[in-house]
PDB file of all heavy atoms in Angstrom:
ATOM      1  N   ASN A   1     -26.050  21.272  36.175  1.00  0.00           N
ATOM      2  CA  ASN A   1     -25.904  22.629  36.737  1.00  0.00           C
ATOM      3  C   ASN A   1     -24.468  22.877  37.185  1.00  0.00           C
ATOM      4  O   ASN A   1     -23.938  23.986  37.010  1.00  0.00           O
ATOM      5  CB  ASN A   1     -26.864  22.813  37.893  1.00  0.00           C
ATOM      6  CG  ASN A   1     -28.296  23.012  37.496  1.00  0.00           C
ATOM      7  OD1 ASN A   1     -28.580  23.279  36.317  1.00  0.00           O
ATOM      8  ND2 ASN A   1     -29.234  22.854  38.387  1.00  0.00           N
ATOM      9  N   ALA A   2     -23.851  21.860  37.779  1.00  0.00           N
ATOM     10  CA  ALA A   2     -22.475  22.009  38.282  1.00  0.00           C
ATOM     11  C   ALA A   2     -21.446  21.885  37.183  1.00  0.00           C
ATOM     12  O   ALA A   2     -20.433  22.584  37.205  1.00  0.00           O
ATOM     13  CB  ALA A   2     -22.226  20.943  39.366  1.00  0.00           C
ATOM     14  N   LEU A   3     -21.687  21.021  36.189  1.00  0.00           N
ATOM     15  CA  LEU A   3     -20.722  20.705  35.158  1.00  0.00           C
ATOM     16  C   LEU A   3     -21.435  20.657  33.803  1.00  0.00           C
ATOM     17  O   LEU A   3     -21.554  19.582  33.189  1.00  0.00           O
ATOM     18  CB  LEU A   3     -20.046  19.352  35.465  1.00  0.00           C
ATOM     19  CG  LEU A   3     -19.335  19.232  36.807  1.00  0.00           C
ATOM     20  CD1 LEU A   3     -19.079  17.798  37.183  1.00  0.00           C
ATOM     21  CD2 LEU A   3     -18.016  20.007  36.761  1.00  0.00           C
ATOM     22  N   PRO A   4     -21.874  21.792  33.297  1.00  0.00           N
ATOM     23  CA  PRO A   4     -22.718  21.791  32.079  1.00  0.00           C
ATOM     24  C   PRO A   4     -21.959  21.454  30.808  1.00  0.00           C
ATOM     25  O   PRO A   4     -22.563  21.126  29.800  1.00  0.00           O
ATOM     26  CB  PRO A   4     -23.248  23.221  32.034  1.00  0.00           C
ATOM     27  CG  PRO A   4     -22.220  24.040  32.764  1.00  0.00           C
ATOM     28  CD  PRO A   4     -21.723  23.146  33.865  1.00  0.00           C
ATOM     29  N   GLU A   5     -20.627  21.551  30.827  1.00  0.00           N
ATOM     30  CA  GLU A   5     -19.853  21.400  29.594  1.00  0.00           C
ATOM     31  C   GLU A   5     -19.738  19.944  29.144  1.00  0.00           C
ATOM     32  O   GLU A   5     -19.418  19.675  27.990  1.00  0.00           O
ATOM     33  CB  GLU A   5     -18.463  22.007  29.787  1.00  0.00           C
ATOM     34  CG  GLU A   5     -17.557  21.270  30.781  1.00  0.00           C
ATOM     35  CD  GLU A   5     -17.730  21.763  32.205  1.00  0.00           C
ATOM     36  OE1 GLU A   5     -18.771  22.317  32.533  1.00  0.00           O
ATOM     37  OE2 GLU A   5     -16.794  21.576  32.989  1.00  0.00           O
ATOM     38  N   TYR A   6     -19.999  18.995  30.021  1.00  0.00           N
ATOM     39  CA  TYR A   6     -19.831  17.577  29.686  1.00  0.00           C
ATOM     40  C   TYR A   6     -21.014  17.039  28.906  1.00  0.00           C
ATOM     41  O   TYR A   6     -22.082  17.638  28.851  1.00  0.00           O
ATOM     42  CB  TYR A   6     -19.615  16.762  30.958  1.00  0.00           C
ATOM     43  CG  TYR A   6     -18.331  17.072  31.690  1.00  0.00           C
ATOM     44  CD1 TYR A   6     -18.272  18.092  32.630  1.00  0.00           C
ATOM     45  CD2 TYR A   6     -17.165  16.341  31.438  1.00  0.00           C
ATOM     46  CE1 TYR A   6     -17.096  18.388  33.297  1.00  0.00           C
ATOM     47  CE2 TYR A   6     -15.994  16.659  32.098  1.00  0.00           C
ATOM     48  CZ  TYR A   6     -15.956  17.672  33.031  1.00  0.00           C
ATOM     49  OH  TYR A   6     -14.785  17.956  33.697  1.00  0.00           O
ATOM     50  N   ASP A   7     -20.833  15.865  28.309  1.00  0.00           N
ATOM     51  CA  ASP A   7     -21.893  15.167  27.598  1.00  0.00           C
ATOM     52  C   ASP A   7     -22.519  14.129  28.541  1.00  0.00           C
ATOM     53  O   ASP A   7     -21.777  13.377  29.198  1.00  0.00           O
ATOM     54  CB  ASP A   7     -21.366  14.475  26.343  1.00  0.00           C
ATOM     55  CG  ASP A   7     -20.813  15.481  25.344  1.00  0.00           C
ATOM     56  OD1 ASP A   7     -21.139  16.670  25.441  1.00  0.00           O
ATOM     57  OD2 ASP A   7     -19.986  15.039  24.485  1.00  0.00           O
ATOM     58  N   TYR A   8     -23.839  14.058  28.579  1.00  0.00           N
ATOM     59  CA  TYR A   8     -24.546  13.160  29.491  1.00  0.00           C
ATOM     60  C   TYR A   8     -25.536  12.255  28.731  1.00  0.00           C
ATOM     61  O   TYR A   8     -26.215  12.737  27.830  1.00  0.00           O
ATOM     62  CB  TYR A   8     -25.313  13.948  30.536  1.00  0.00           C
ATOM     63  CG  TYR A   8     -24.460  14.750  31.488  1.00  0.00           C
ATOM     64  CD1 TYR A   8     -24.050  16.042  31.133  1.00  0.00           C
ATOM     65  CD2 TYR A   8     -24.065  14.236  32.714  1.00  0.00           C
ATOM     66  CE1 TYR A   8     -23.267  16.800  32.015  1.00  0.00           C
ATOM     67  CE2 TYR A   8     -23.292  14.994  33.613  1.00  0.00           C
ATOM     68  CZ  TYR A   8     -22.890  16.275  33.229  1.00  0.00           C
ATOM     69  OH  TYR A   8     -22.110  17.014  34.117  1.00  0.00           O
ATOM     70  N   VAL A   9     -25.624  11.031  29.190  1.00  0.00           N
ATOM     71  CA  VAL A   9     -26.682  10.109  28.726  1.00  0.00           C
ATOM     72  C   VAL A   9     -27.409   9.633  29.966  1.00  0.00           C
ATOM     73  O   VAL A   9     -26.807   8.996  30.857  1.00  0.00           O
ATOM     74  CB  VAL A   9     -26.141   8.925  27.940  1.00  0.00           C
ATOM     75  CG1 VAL A   9     -27.309   8.010  27.512  1.00  0.00           C
ATOM     76  CG2 VAL A   9     -25.334   9.366  26.729  1.00  0.00           C
ATOM     77  N   TYR A  10     -28.683   9.915  30.039  1.00  0.00           N
ATOM     78  CA  TYR A  10     -29.531   9.454  31.149  1.00  0.00           C
ATOM     79  C   TYR A  10     -30.349   8.271  30.695  1.00  0.00           C
ATOM     80  O   TYR A  10     -30.945   8.305  29.606  1.00  0.00           O
ATOM     81  CB  TYR A  10     -30.458  10.565  31.643  1.00  0.00           C
ATOM     82  CG  TYR A  10     -31.360  10.106  32.772  1.00  0.00           C
ATOM     83  CD1 TYR A  10     -30.894  10.134  34.079  1.00  0.00           C
ATOM     84  CD2 TYR A  10     -32.616   9.608  32.553  1.00  0.00           C
ATOM     85  CE1 TYR A  10     -31.692   9.701  35.125  1.00  0.00           C
ATOM     86  CE2 TYR A  10     -33.442   9.167  33.558  1.00  0.00           C
ATOM     87  CZ  TYR A  10     -32.945   9.214  34.860  1.00  0.00           C
ATOM     88  OH  TYR A  10     -33.736   8.780  35.904  1.00  0.00           O
ATOM     89  N   TYR A  11     -30.401   7.233  31.512  1.00  0.00           N
ATOM     90  CA  TYR A  11     -31.233   6.086  31.183  1.00  0.00           C
ATOM     91  C   TYR A  11     -32.095   5.719  32.388  1.00  0.00           C
ATOM     92  O   TYR A  11     -31.587   5.422  33.468  1.00  0.00           O
ATOM     93  CB  TYR A  11     -30.384   4.886  30.766  1.00  0.00           C
ATOM     94  CG  TYR A  11     -31.200   3.637  30.516  1.00  0.00           C
ATOM     95  CD1 TYR A  11     -32.238   3.649  29.589  1.00  0.00           C
ATOM     96  CD2 TYR A  11     -30.979   2.476  31.232  1.00  0.00           C
ATOM     97  CE1 TYR A  11     -33.014   2.517  29.388  1.00  0.00           C
ATOM     98  CE2 TYR A  11     -31.739   1.323  31.014  1.00  0.00           C
ATOM     99  CZ  TYR A  11     -32.754   1.357  30.073  1.00  0.00           C
ATOM    100  OH  TYR A  11     -33.530   0.249  29.855  1.00  0.00           O
ATOM    101  N   GLY A  12     -33.405   5.781  32.200  1.00  0.00           N
ATOM    102  CA  GLY A  12     -34.342   5.382  33.240  1.00  0.00           C
ATOM    103  C   GLY A  12     -35.053   4.092  32.860  1.00  0.00           C
ATOM    104  O   GLY A  12     -35.660   4.007  31.788  1.00  0.00           O
ATOM    105  N   ASP A  13     -34.941   3.094  33.710  1.00  0.00           N
ATOM    106  CA  ASP A  13     -35.571   1.793  33.404  1.00  0.00           C
ATOM    107  C   ASP A  13     -37.039   1.810  33.834  1.00  0.00           C
ATOM    108  O   ASP A  13     -37.439   1.130  34.801  1.00  0.00           O
ATOM    109  CB  ASP A  13     -34.797   0.681  34.126  1.00  0.00           C
ATOM    110  CG  ASP A  13     -35.307  -0.703  33.704  1.00  0.00           C
ATOM    111  OD1 ASP A  13     -36.047  -0.799  32.726  1.00  0.00           O
ATOM    112  OD2 ASP A  13     -34.955  -1.682  34.398  1.00  0.00           O
ATOM    113  N   THR A  14     -37.826   2.601  33.151  1.00  0.00           N
ATOM    114  CA  THR A  14     -39.232   2.777  33.494  1.00  0.00           C
ATOM    115  C   THR A  14     -40.082   1.513  33.312  1.00  0.00           C
ATOM    116  O   THR A  14     -41.120   1.394  33.874  1.00  0.00           O
ATOM    117  CB  THR A  14     -39.829   3.924  32.638  1.00  0.00           C
ATOM    118  OG1 THR A  14     -39.478   3.692  31.250  1.00  0.00           O
ATOM    119  CG2 THR A  14     -39.246   5.254  33.051  1.00  0.00           C
ATOM    120  N   GLU A  15     -39.553   0.589  32.521  1.00  0.00           N
ATOM    121  CA  GLU A  15     -40.297  -0.670  32.263  1.00  0.00           C
ATOM    122  C   GLU A  15     -40.417  -1.504  33.540  1.00  0.00           C
ATOM    123  O   GLU A  15     -41.397  -2.213  33.762  1.00  0.00           O
ATOM    124  CB  GLU A  15     -39.618  -1.469  31.181  1.00  0.00           C
ATOM    125  CG  GLU A  15     -40.346  -2.760  30.822  1.00  0.00           C
ATOM    126  CD  GLU A  15     -39.676  -3.551  29.717  1.00  0.00           C
ATOM    127  OE1 GLU A  15     -38.679  -3.043  29.155  1.00  0.00           O
ATOM    128  OE2 GLU A  15     -40.138  -4.658  29.412  1.00  0.00           O
ATOM    129  N   HIS A  16     -39.400  -1.388  34.417  1.00  0.00           N
ATOM    130  CA  HIS A  16     -39.342  -2.289  35.564  1.00  0.00           C
ATOM    131  C   HIS A  16     -39.532  -1.575  36.913  1.00  0.00           C
ATOM    132  O   HIS A  16     -39.372  -2.221  37.963  1.00  0.00           O
ATOM    133  CB  HIS A  16     -37.996  -3.032  35.585  1.00  0.00           C
ATOM    134  CG  HIS A  16     -37.805  -3.914  34.406  1.00  0.00           C
ATOM    135  ND1 HIS A  16     -36.786  -3.743  33.493  1.00  0.00           N
ATOM    136  CD2 HIS A  16     -38.503  -5.014  33.974  1.00  0.00           C
ATOM    137  CE1 HIS A  16     -36.861  -4.657  32.546  1.00  0.00           C
ATOM    138  NE2 HIS A  16     -37.899  -5.437  32.807  1.00  0.00           N
ATOM    139  N   LEU A  17     -39.830  -0.273  36.914  1.00  0.00           N
ATOM    140  CA  LEU A  17     -39.981   0.400  38.185  1.00  0.00           C
ATOM    141  C   LEU A  17     -41.296  -0.030  38.862  1.00  0.00           C
ATOM    142  O   LEU A  17     -42.206  -0.481  38.179  1.00  0.00           O
ATOM    143  CB  LEU A  17     -39.928   1.915  37.982  1.00  0.00           C
ATOM    144  CG  LEU A  17     -41.058   2.602  37.203  1.00  0.00           C
ATOM    145  CD1 LEU A  17     -42.288   2.941  38.065  1.00  0.00           C
ATOM    146  CD2 LEU A  17     -40.535   3.877  36.575  1.00  0.00           C
ATOM    147  N   PRO A  18     -41.346   0.053  40.224  1.00  0.00           N
ATOM    148  CA  PRO A  18     -40.292   0.514  41.126  1.00  0.00           C
ATOM    149  C   PRO A  18     -39.343  -0.636  41.513  1.00  0.00           C
ATOM    150  O   PRO A  18     -39.798  -1.742  41.768  1.00  0.00           O
ATOM    151  CB  PRO A  18     -41.081   1.005  42.322  1.00  0.00           C
ATOM    152  CG  PRO A  18     -42.300   0.115  42.366  1.00  0.00           C
ATOM    153  CD  PRO A  18     -42.625  -0.161  40.912  1.00  0.00           C
ATOM    154  N   TYR A  19     -38.057  -0.355  41.542  1.00  0.00           N
ATOM    155  CA  TYR A  19     -37.072  -1.353  41.928  1.00  0.00           C
ATOM    156  C   TYR A  19     -37.194  -1.764  43.396  1.00  0.00           C
ATOM    157  O   TYR A  19     -36.818  -2.875  43.771  1.00  0.00           O
ATOM    158  CB  TYR A  19     -35.661  -0.825  41.686  1.00  0.00           C
ATOM    159  CG  TYR A  19     -35.124  -0.989  40.302  1.00  0.00           C
ATOM    160  CD1 TYR A  19     -35.952  -1.158  39.206  1.00  0.00           C
ATOM    161  CD2 TYR A  19     -33.741  -0.991  40.073  1.00  0.00           C
ATOM    162  CE1 TYR A  19     -35.451  -1.260  37.925  1.00  0.00           C
ATOM    163  CE2 TYR A  19     -33.227  -1.132  38.790  1.00  0.00           C
ATOM    164  CZ  TYR A  19     -34.089  -1.280  37.734  1.00  0.00           C
ATOM    165  OH  TYR A  19     -33.576  -1.417  36.471  1.00  0.00           O
ATOM    166  N   GLY A  20     -37.657  -0.855  44.217  1.00  0.00           N
ATOM    167  CA  GLY A  20     -37.707  -1.112  45.645  1.00  0.00           C
ATOM    168  C   GLY A  20     -38.562  -2.300  46.082  1.00  0.00           C
ATOM    169  O   GLY A  20     -38.387  -2.846  47.146  1.00  0.00           O
ATOM    170  N   GLU A  21     -39.459  -2.729  45.185  1.00  0.00           N
ATOM    171  CA  GLU A  21     -40.310  -3.857  45.494  1.00  0.00           C
ATOM    172  C   GLU A  21     -39.858  -5.144  44.800  1.00  0.00           C
ATOM    173  O   GLU A  21     -40.517  -6.180  44.924  1.00  0.00           O
ATOM    174  CB  GLU A  21     -41.763  -3.533  45.085  1.00  0.00           C
ATOM    175  CG  GLU A  21     -42.306  -2.244  45.668  1.00  0.00           C
ATOM    176  CD  GLU A  21     -42.110  -2.204  47.176  1.00  0.00           C
ATOM    177  OE1 GLU A  21     -42.574  -3.138  47.864  1.00  0.00           O
ATOM    178  OE2 GLU A  21     -41.487  -1.224  47.659  1.00  0.00           O
ATOM    179  N   LYS A  22     -38.738  -5.089  44.073  1.00  0.00           N
ATOM    180  CA  LYS A  22     -38.230  -6.254  43.362  1.00  0.00           C
ATOM    181  C   LYS A  22     -37.288  -7.062  44.240  1.00  0.00           C
ATOM    182  O   LYS A  22     -36.798  -6.578  45.263  1.00  0.00           O
ATOM    183  CB  LYS A  22     -37.502  -5.810  42.102  1.00  0.00           C
ATOM    184  CG  LYS A  22     -38.353  -5.005  41.106  1.00  0.00           C
ATOM    185  CD  LYS A  22     -39.480  -5.805  40.539  1.00  0.00           C
ATOM    186  CE  LYS A  22     -40.173  -5.117  39.362  1.00  0.00           C
ATOM    187  NZ  LYS A  22     -40.822  -3.858  39.684  1.00  0.00           N
ATOM    188  N   THR A  23     -36.984  -8.301  43.841  1.00  0.00           N
ATOM    189  CA  THR A  23     -36.022  -9.114  44.551  1.00  0.00           C
ATOM    190  C   THR A  23     -34.615  -8.631  44.237  1.00  0.00           C
ATOM    191  O   THR A  23     -34.382  -7.923  43.237  1.00  0.00           O
ATOM    192  CB  THR A  23     -36.127 -10.600  44.155  1.00  0.00           C
ATOM    193  OG1 THR A  23     -35.710 -10.735  42.765  1.00  0.00           O
ATOM    194  CG2 THR A  23     -37.547 -11.109  44.298  1.00  0.00           C
ATOM    195  N   SER A  24     -33.659  -9.007  45.073  1.00  0.00           N
ATOM    196  CA  SER A  24     -32.259  -8.638  44.843  1.00  0.00           C
ATOM    197  C   SER A  24     -31.762  -9.167  43.499  1.00  0.00           C
ATOM    198  O   SER A  24     -31.023  -8.471  42.787  1.00  0.00           O
ATOM    199  CB  SER A  24     -31.380  -9.133  45.983  1.00  0.00           C
ATOM    200  OG  SER A  24     -31.713  -8.486  47.189  1.00  0.00           O
ATOM    201  N   GLY A  25     -32.176 -10.385  43.153  1.00  0.00           N
ATOM    202  CA  GLY A  25     -31.763 -10.938  41.861  1.00  0.00           C
ATOM    203  C   GLY A  25     -32.274 -10.158  40.681  1.00  0.00           C
ATOM    204  O   GLY A  25     -31.561  -9.941  39.718  1.00  0.00           O
ATOM    205  N   GLN A  26     -33.535  -9.744  40.759  1.00  0.00           N
ATOM    206  CA  GLN A  26     -34.113  -8.931  39.702  1.00  0.00           C
ATOM    207  C   GLN A  26     -33.396  -7.588  39.559  1.00  0.00           C
ATOM    208  O   GLN A  26     -33.051  -7.128  38.476  1.00  0.00           O
ATOM    209  CB  GLN A  26     -35.602  -8.711  39.970  1.00  0.00           C
ATOM    210  CG  GLN A  26     -36.478  -9.939  39.732  1.00  0.00           C
ATOM    211  CD  GLN A  26     -37.898  -9.652  40.198  1.00  0.00           C
ATOM    212  OE1 GLN A  26     -38.150  -9.079  41.245  1.00  0.00           O
ATOM    213  NE2 GLN A  26     -38.855 -10.088  39.330  1.00  0.00           N
ATOM    214  N   ILE A  27     -33.139  -6.946  40.708  1.00  0.00           N
ATOM    215  CA  ILE A  27     -32.477  -5.651  40.698  1.00  0.00           C
ATOM    216  C   ILE A  27     -31.100  -5.764  40.088  1.00  0.00           C
ATOM    217  O   ILE A  27     -30.698  -4.928  39.288  1.00  0.00           O
ATOM    218  CB  ILE A  27     -32.416  -5.061  42.111  1.00  0.00           C
ATOM    219  CG1 ILE A  27     -33.831  -4.780  42.649  1.00  0.00           C
ATOM    220  CG2 ILE A  27     -31.556  -3.797  42.170  1.00  0.00           C
ATOM    221  CD1 ILE A  27     -33.897  -4.554  44.151  1.00  0.00           C
ATOM    222  N   LEU A  28     -30.369  -6.784  40.468  1.00  0.00           N
ATOM    223  CA  LEU A  28     -29.029  -6.984  39.925  1.00  0.00           C
ATOM    224  C   LEU A  28     -29.076  -7.193  38.413  1.00  0.00           C
ATOM    225  O   LEU A  28     -28.305  -6.603  37.652  1.00  0.00           O
ATOM    226  CB  LEU A  28     -28.344  -8.183  40.586  1.00  0.00           C
ATOM    227  CG  LEU A  28     -26.923  -8.523  40.081  1.00  0.00           C
ATOM    228  CD1 LEU A  28     -25.974  -7.360  40.309  1.00  0.00           C
ATOM    229  CD2 LEU A  28     -26.415  -9.788  40.776  1.00  0.00           C
ATOM    230  N   SER A  29     -30.010  -8.004  37.951  1.00  0.00           N
ATOM    231  CA  SER A  29     -30.149  -8.307  36.529  1.00  0.00           C
ATOM    232  C   SER A  29     -30.485  -7.046  35.729  1.00  0.00           C
ATOM    233  O   SER A  29     -29.843  -6.743  34.713  1.00  0.00           O
ATOM    234  CB  SER A  29     -31.217  -9.379  36.301  1.00  0.00           C
ATOM    235  OG  SER A  29     -31.397  -9.605  34.919  1.00  0.00           O
ATOM    236  N   TYR A  30     -31.493  -6.275  36.223  1.00  0.00           N
ATOM    237  CA  TYR A  30     -31.868  -5.036  35.540  1.00  0.00           C
ATOM    238  C   TYR A  30     -30.720  -4.044  35.475  1.00  0.00           C
ATOM    239  O   TYR A  30     -30.524  -3.343  34.493  1.00  0.00           O
ATOM    240  CB  TYR A  30     -33.064  -4.401  36.250  1.00  0.00           C
ATOM    241  CG  TYR A  30     -34.330  -5.204  36.297  1.00  0.00           C
ATOM    242  CD1 TYR A  30     -35.242  -5.050  37.332  1.00  0.00           C
ATOM    243  CD2 TYR A  30     -34.633  -6.173  35.307  1.00  0.00           C
ATOM    244  CE1 TYR A  30     -36.404  -5.801  37.404  1.00  0.00           C
ATOM    245  CE2 TYR A  30     -35.790  -6.916  35.355  1.00  0.00           C
ATOM    246  CZ  TYR A  30     -36.694  -6.724  36.411  1.00  0.00           C
ATOM    247  OH  TYR A  30     -37.841  -7.463  36.479  1.00  0.00           O
ATOM    248  N   THR A  31     -29.993  -3.946  36.598  1.00  0.00           N
ATOM    249  CA  THR A  31     -28.901  -2.970  36.694  1.00  0.00           C
ATOM    250  C   THR A  31     -27.779  -3.320  35.723  1.00  0.00           C
ATOM    251  O   THR A  31     -27.205  -2.466  35.064  1.00  0.00           O
ATOM    252  CB  THR A  31     -28.390  -2.850  38.120  1.00  0.00           C
ATOM    253  OG1 THR A  31     -29.472  -2.526  38.985  1.00  0.00           O
ATOM    254  CG2 THR A  31     -27.325  -1.748  38.251  1.00  0.00           C
ATOM    255  N   ILE A  32     -27.434  -4.598  35.645  1.00  0.00           N
ATOM    256  CA  ILE A  32     -26.378  -5.015  34.736  1.00  0.00           C
ATOM    257  C   ILE A  32     -26.761  -4.679  33.297  1.00  0.00           C
ATOM    258  O   ILE A  32     -25.946  -4.176  32.514  1.00  0.00           O
ATOM    259  CB  ILE A  32     -26.115  -6.539  34.872  1.00  0.00           C
ATOM    260  CG1 ILE A  32     -25.394  -6.833  36.192  1.00  0.00           C
ATOM    261  CG2 ILE A  32     -25.284  -7.061  33.682  1.00  0.00           C
ATOM    262  CD1 ILE A  32     -25.240  -8.296  36.508  1.00  0.00           C
ATOM    263  N   GLU A  33     -28.016  -4.950  32.917  1.00  0.00           N
ATOM    264  CA  GLU A  33     -28.461  -4.617  31.575  1.00  0.00           C
ATOM    265  C   GLU A  33     -28.415  -3.123  31.319  1.00  0.00           C
ATOM    266  O   GLU A  33     -28.051  -2.700  30.211  1.00  0.00           O
ATOM    267  CB  GLU A  33     -29.883  -5.158  31.345  1.00  0.00           C
ATOM    268  CG  GLU A  33     -29.983  -6.685  31.255  1.00  0.00           C
ATOM    269  CD  GLU A  33     -29.008  -7.252  30.242  1.00  0.00           C
ATOM    270  OE1 GLU A  33     -29.041  -6.781  29.085  1.00  0.00           O
ATOM    271  OE2 GLU A  33     -28.258  -8.173  30.576  1.00  0.00           O
ATOM    272  N   ALA A  34     -28.742  -2.332  32.320  1.00  0.00           N
ATOM    273  CA  ALA A  34     -28.696  -0.884  32.169  1.00  0.00           C
ATOM    274  C   ALA A  34     -27.248  -0.396  31.980  1.00  0.00           C
ATOM    275  O   ALA A  34     -26.968   0.470  31.154  1.00  0.00           O
ATOM    276  CB  ALA A  34     -29.316  -0.212  33.391  1.00  0.00           C
ATOM    277  N   ILE A  35     -26.356  -0.974  32.744  1.00  0.00           N
ATOM    278  CA  ILE A  35     -24.921  -0.578  32.629  1.00  0.00           C
ATOM    279  C   ILE A  35     -24.382  -0.977  31.261  1.00  0.00           C
ATOM    280  O   ILE A  35     -23.665  -0.202  30.594  1.00  0.00           O
ATOM    281  CB  ILE A  35     -24.101  -1.247  33.748  1.00  0.00           C
ATOM    282  CG1 ILE A  35     -24.558  -0.735  35.101  1.00  0.00           C
ATOM    283  CG2 ILE A  35     -22.620  -0.949  33.545  1.00  0.00           C
ATOM    284  CD1 ILE A  35     -24.471   0.775  35.323  1.00  0.00           C
ATOM    285  N   LYS A  36     -24.763  -2.167  30.777  1.00  0.00           N
ATOM    286  CA  LYS A  36     -24.349  -2.590  29.416  1.00  0.00           C
ATOM    287  C   LYS A  36     -24.848  -1.593  28.371  1.00  0.00           C
ATOM    288  O   LYS A  36     -24.124  -1.212  27.440  1.00  0.00           O
ATOM    289  CB  LYS A  36     -24.919  -3.974  29.122  1.00  0.00           C
ATOM    290  CG  LYS A  36     -24.214  -5.135  29.808  1.00  0.00           C
ATOM    291  CD  LYS A  36     -24.879  -6.440  29.371  1.00  0.00           C
ATOM    292  CE  LYS A  36     -24.195  -7.662  29.978  1.00  0.00           C
ATOM    293  NZ  LYS A  36     -24.873  -8.918  29.573  1.00  0.00           N
ATOM    294  N   PHE A  37     -26.089  -1.159  28.557  1.00  0.00           N
ATOM    295  CA  PHE A  37     -26.650  -0.209  27.589  1.00  0.00           C
ATOM    296  C   PHE A  37     -25.908   1.113  27.608  1.00  0.00           C
ATOM    297  O   PHE A  37     -25.582   1.669  26.545  1.00  0.00           O
ATOM    298  CB  PHE A  37     -28.138   0.025  27.899  1.00  0.00           C
ATOM    299  CG  PHE A  37     -28.750   1.080  27.021  1.00  0.00           C
ATOM    300  CD1 PHE A  37     -28.957   0.868  25.672  1.00  0.00           C
ATOM    301  CD2 PHE A  37     -29.098   2.320  27.570  1.00  0.00           C
ATOM    302  CE1 PHE A  37     -29.500   1.861  24.862  1.00  0.00           C
ATOM    303  CE2 PHE A  37     -29.644   3.294  26.770  1.00  0.00           C
ATOM    304  CZ  PHE A  37     -29.850   3.104  25.419  1.00  0.00           C
ATOM    305  N   LEU A  38     -25.605   1.637  28.775  1.00  0.00           N
ATOM    306  CA  LEU A  38     -24.893   2.913  28.862  1.00  0.00           C
ATOM    307  C   LEU A  38     -23.457   2.775  28.318  1.00  0.00           C
ATOM    308  O   LEU A  38     -22.956   3.710  27.679  1.00  0.00           O
ATOM    309  CB  LEU A  38     -24.870   3.419  30.308  1.00  0.00           C
ATOM    310  CG  LEU A  38     -26.211   3.983  30.781  1.00  0.00           C
ATOM    311  CD1 LEU A  38     -26.177   4.272  32.278  1.00  0.00           C
ATOM    312  CD2 LEU A  38     -26.565   5.261  30.020  1.00  0.00           C
ATOM    313  N   ILE A  39     -22.848   1.639  28.476  1.00  0.00           N
ATOM    314  CA  ILE A  39     -21.539   1.407  27.897  1.00  0.00           C
ATOM    315  C   ILE A  39     -21.658   1.427  26.371  1.00  0.00           C
ATOM    316  O   ILE A  39     -20.800   1.982  25.679  1.00  0.00           O
ATOM    317  CB  ILE A  39     -20.923   0.094  28.399  1.00  0.00           C
ATOM    318  CG1 ILE A  39     -20.558   0.234  29.893  1.00  0.00           C
ATOM    319  CG2 ILE A  39     -19.672  -0.290  27.602  1.00  0.00           C
ATOM    320  CD1 ILE A  39     -20.150  -1.072  30.558  1.00  0.00           C
ATOM    321  N   SER A  40     -22.747   0.851  25.839  1.00  0.00           N
ATOM    322  CA  SER A  40     -22.926   0.863  24.384  1.00  0.00           C
ATOM    323  C   SER A  40     -23.166   2.282  23.869  1.00  0.00           C
ATOM    324  O   SER A  40     -22.990   2.522  22.679  1.00  0.00           O
ATOM    325  CB  SER A  40     -24.124  -0.035  24.028  1.00  0.00           C
ATOM    326  OG  SER A  40     -25.373   0.597  24.298  1.00  0.00           O
TER     327      SER A  40
END
């Protein structure tokens, strides 16, 4: 809504939700994989 002209890729890790109940190690691992995917 604020910046409609840009290109966006949204990625939701629905396979592993909810993150709030996971361990810190799991959250870190899932997040790194998500960042790698968005970089790709």
